[in-house]
Amino acid sequence: MQLYVIGDYFTVNTFKLIGIDGQVFEADADYGNILNTIENLIKKEEIGMIIYNSFIREIVGQKFDDYLKRAKPVFFEIPDTDSEFKEENLQEFIQKVIGIKI
């Protein structure tokens, strides 16, 4: 099972440090580009979990609920890095999600 990350620059590149691939999107990203990325990831059998920042769900809106109902891949939301979530807490959070200390 592979993990994939879609989100802001800091989040995606933090996960890349431990070998998890991802796609960077800005908070004002185009709905169609995000939707296309998610649809392509769902088609890949090897993708078992998609980790995403909160703003991704906000952009996609109601359609995201359909993704969350799927058995595979599992979608896991993490806070945006510009939220009140401190870096130390984000690192702890990531460690809980994937079980690797960064």
Protein backbone atom coordinates (compact mmCIF):
# COMPACT_ATOMS: atom_id res chain seq x y z
CA MET A 1 0.00 0.00 0.00
CA GLN A 2 1.32 3.42 -0.93
CA LEU A 3 0.52 6.75 0.61
CA TYR A 4 0.12 9.93 -1.40
CA VAL A 5 -0.14 13.51 -0.15
CA ILE A 6 -1.99 16.43 -1.69
CA GLY A 7 -1.70 19.78 -0.02
CA ASP A 8 0.43 22.83 0.58
CA TYR A 9 4.14 23.11 -0.14
CA PHE A 10 5.31 22.49 3.43
CA THR A 11 3.13 19.44 3.99
CA VAL A 12 3.95 17.73 0.69
CA ASN A 13 7.68 18.36 1.01
CA THR A 14 7.76 17.19 4.62
CA PHE A 15 6.27 13.87 3.54
CA LYS A 16 8.67 13.69 0.58
CA LEU A 17 11.56 13.72 3.07
CA ILE A 18 10.46 10.29 4.23
CA GLY A 19 9.77 8.97 0.74
CA ILE A 20 6.06 9.66 0.33
CA ASP A 21 5.16 11.24 -2.99
CA GLY A 22 2.70 14.07 -3.34
CA GLN A 23 1.26 16.97 -5.29
CA VAL A 24 1.51 20.60 -4.16
CA PHE A 25 -1.54 22.83 -4.47
CA GLU A 26 -1.97 26.42 -3.39
CA ALA A 27 -4.94 27.51 -1.28
CA ASP A 28 -6.42 29.16 -4.38
CA ALA A 29 -5.93 26.09 -6.59
CA ASP A 30 -8.29 25.30 -9.43
CA TYR A 31 -11.12 22.92 -8.52
CA GLY A 32 -10.68 20.98 -11.76
CA ASN A 33 -6.96 20.34 -11.23
CA ILE A 34 -7.52 18.99 -7.72
CA LEU A 35 -10.46 16.87 -8.82
CA ASN A 36 -8.46 15.44 -11.74
CA THR A 37 -5.56 14.56 -9.40
CA ILE A 38 -7.87 12.79 -6.95
CA GLU A 39 -9.67 10.88 -9.71
CA ASN A 40 -6.34 9.68 -11.14
CA LEU A 41 -5.12 8.58 -7.70
CA ILE A 42 -8.32 6.61 -7.05
CA LYS A 43 -7.70 4.61 -10.23
CA LYS A 44 -4.27 3.47 -9.02
CA GLU A 45 -4.59 0.16 -7.17
CA GLU A 46 -1.33 0.71 -5.27
CA ILE A 47 -2.60 3.90 -3.57
CA GLY A 48 -4.11 2.87 -0.25
CA MET A 49 -4.26 6.23 1.52
CA ILE A 50 -4.47 9.83 0.40
CA ILE A 51 -3.42 12.38 2.98
CA TYR A 52 -4.70 15.87 2.30
CA ASN A 53 -4.75 19.33 3.85
CA SER A 54 -8.06 20.78 5.05
CA PHE A 55 -8.18 23.40 2.32
CA ILE A 56 -8.33 20.65 -0.32
CA ARG A 57 -11.65 19.49 1.06
CA GLU A 58 -12.91 23.06 1.18
CA ILE A 59 -12.09 23.59 -2.51
CA VAL A 60 -13.61 20.29 -3.66
CA GLY A 61 -16.70 20.81 -1.48
CA GLN A 62 -19.63 18.40 -1.54
CA LYS A 63 -17.96 16.06 -4.05
CA PHE A 64 -15.39 15.19 -1.38
CA ASP A 65 -18.06 13.41 0.68
CA ASP A 66 -18.34 10.85 -2.13
CA TYR A 67 -14.63 10.12 -1.83
CA LEU A 68 -14.85 9.65 1.91
CA LYS A 69 -17.48 6.93 1.49
CA ARG A 70 -15.12 4.79 -0.56
CA ALA A 71 -13.46 1.78 1.02
CA LYS A 72 -10.23 2.41 -0.87
CA PRO A 73 -8.26 4.54 -0.85
CA VAL A 74 -8.66 5.85 2.65
CA PHE A 75 -8.68 9.65 2.88
CA PHE A 76 -7.00 11.26 5.88
CA GLU A 77 -7.26 14.99 6.58
CA ILE A 78 -4.50 16.94 8.27
CA PRO A 79 -4.55 20.64 9.18
CA ASP A 80 -3.19 23.27 6.84
CA THR A 81 0.26 24.46 7.84
CA ASP A 82 -0.92 28.05 8.02
CA SER A 83 -3.54 27.13 10.61
CA GLU A 84 -2.92 27.49 14.33
CA PHE A 85 -1.31 24.07 14.31
CA LYS A 86 2.30 24.52 15.44
CA GLU A 87 5.17 22.79 13.59
CA GLU A 88 6.00 20.59 16.57
CA ASN A 89 2.40 19.42 16.72
CA LEU A 90 2.36 18.80 12.96
CA GLN A 91 5.43 16.60 13.26
CA GLU A 92 3.81 14.65 16.10
CA PHE A 93 0.63 14.37 14.06
CA ILE A 94 2.49 13.03 11.04
CA GLN A 95 4.28 10.55 13.27
CA LYS A 96 0.93 9.25 14.51
CA VAL A 97 -0.42 8.99 10.96
CA ILE A 98 2.44 7.05 9.41
CA GLY A 99 4.34 5.77 12.42
CA ILE A 100 7.67 7.35 11.48
CA LYS A 101 9.33 10.14 13.43
CA ILE A 102 10.55 12.99 11.23
